[in-house]
Amino acid sequence: MAFKYINPEEFNKQLIEKALSVEAVAELLEIEIGIAKNIFSGYKSITNFEILKLHELVGFSYPDLIGKQKLLDPNKQKEIKIKKNSGLTYQTYKIRG
């Protein structure tokens, strides 16, 4: 099964044109809302079958909807603090979660 990524700008444009909400589209595709938001933002992949469902059931334009994966989700960054030898100073690192 091939995977694609949603073009979030085009998805939002078509979502507004159809007067739908992200929640409604997620329910139609039977995807949990938290996962759907990552998919529709281009951070998680979507199957060709789900894209076909968007096209057939909702009327989204298929070619415009396909985009490239976004590599870094700022919402997924986490900060960790590592204690140095002195025990009083911390170094903060941002890692991808």
Protein backbone atom coordinates (compact mmCIF):
# COMPACT_ATOMS: atom_id res chain seq x y z
CA MET A 1 0.00 0.00 0.00
CA ALA A 2 1.52 3.34 -1.05
CA PHE A 3 1.60 6.33 1.25
CA LYS A 4 1.34 10.01 0.38
CA TYR A 5 1.42 13.28 2.30
CA ILE A 6 -1.23 15.96 2.31
CA ASN A 7 -0.47 19.49 1.10
CA PRO A 8 -1.85 21.38 4.15
CA GLU A 9 -2.41 24.69 2.35
CA GLU A 10 -4.45 23.03 -0.38
CA PHE A 11 -6.28 20.85 2.15
CA ASN A 12 -7.32 23.92 4.17
CA LYS A 13 -8.40 25.73 0.99
CA GLN A 14 -10.57 22.82 -0.13
CA LEU A 15 -11.89 22.34 3.42
CA ILE A 16 -13.11 25.95 3.47
CA GLU A 17 -14.62 25.62 -0.02
CA LYS A 18 -16.59 22.56 1.10
CA ALA A 19 -17.57 24.22 4.43
CA LEU A 20 -16.32 21.22 6.39
CA SER A 21 -14.39 20.84 9.62
CA VAL A 22 -11.31 18.74 10.27
CA GLU A 23 -13.37 16.73 12.76
CA ALA A 24 -16.00 15.93 10.11
CA VAL A 25 -13.39 14.76 7.61
CA ALA A 26 -11.60 12.70 10.28
CA GLU A 27 -14.89 11.03 11.21
CA LEU A 28 -15.62 10.29 7.56
CA LEU A 29 -12.21 8.64 7.16
CA GLU A 30 -12.61 6.92 10.56
CA ILE A 31 -9.35 8.42 11.85
CA GLU A 32 -8.76 9.59 15.42
CA ILE A 33 -8.81 13.42 15.53
CA GLY A 34 -5.27 13.74 16.97
CA ILE A 35 -3.83 11.59 14.21
CA ALA A 36 -5.98 13.32 11.58
CA LYS A 37 -4.58 16.73 12.50
CA ASN A 38 -1.03 15.42 11.93
CA ILE A 39 -2.07 13.86 8.62
CA PHE A 40 -3.84 16.99 7.38
CA SER A 41 -0.84 19.12 8.41
CA GLY A 42 1.51 16.98 6.30
CA TYR A 43 3.47 15.42 9.16
CA LYS A 44 2.05 11.89 8.89
CA SER A 45 1.39 9.85 5.78
CA ILE A 46 -2.01 8.91 4.42
CA THR A 47 -2.83 5.89 2.27
CA ASN A 48 -3.92 6.20 -1.33
CA PHE A 49 -7.20 4.57 -0.31
CA GLU A 50 -7.90 7.34 2.22
CA ILE A 51 -7.04 10.00 -0.36
CA LEU A 52 -9.40 8.28 -2.79
CA LYS A 53 -12.12 8.41 -0.12
CA LEU A 54 -11.50 12.15 0.26
CA HIS A 55 -11.88 12.53 -3.49
CA GLU A 56 -14.93 10.31 -3.95
CA LEU A 57 -16.91 11.01 -0.77
CA VAL A 58 -16.04 14.65 -0.08
CA GLY A 59 -15.11 15.90 -3.55
CA PHE A 60 -11.55 16.99 -2.82
CA SER A 61 -9.33 17.53 -5.87
CA TYR A 62 -6.86 14.63 -5.84
CA PRO A 63 -3.79 16.04 -7.70
CA ASP A 64 -3.71 19.31 -5.74
CA LEU A 65 -4.08 17.51 -2.42
CA ILE A 66 -0.78 15.61 -2.66
CA GLY A 67 2.25 17.28 -1.09
CA LYS A 68 5.57 16.44 0.51
CA GLN A 69 6.25 15.34 4.06
CA LYS A 70 7.05 18.06 6.54
CA LEU A 71 10.07 16.87 8.44
CA LEU A 72 9.87 18.79 11.70
CA ASP A 73 6.69 19.37 13.65
CA PRO A 74 7.33 22.17 16.17
CA ASN A 75 4.56 20.76 18.36
CA LYS A 76 6.48 17.49 18.68
CA GLN A 77 9.67 19.06 20.03
CA LYS A 78 10.47 18.24 23.62
CA GLU A 79 12.91 19.84 25.98
CA ILE A 80 15.10 17.71 28.17
CA LYS A 81 17.40 18.93 30.91
CA ILE A 82 20.64 17.15 31.64
CA LYS A 83 22.35 17.73 34.96
CA LYS A 84 26.02 18.65 34.67
CA ASN A 85 28.67 17.34 37.05
CA SER A 86 28.31 20.27 39.43
CA GLY A 87 24.71 19.29 40.06
CA LEU A 88 23.50 22.88 39.90
CA THR A 89 23.61 23.67 36.20
CA TYR A 90 21.36 22.22 33.55
CA GLN A 91 21.79 22.12 29.81
CA THR A 92 18.54 22.23 27.81
CA TYR A 93 18.25 20.33 24.53
CA LYS A 94 15.36 20.27 22.10
CA ILE A 95 14.77 16.87 20.60
CA ARG A 96 12.31 15.61 18.08
CA GLY A 97 9.74 13.37 19.73
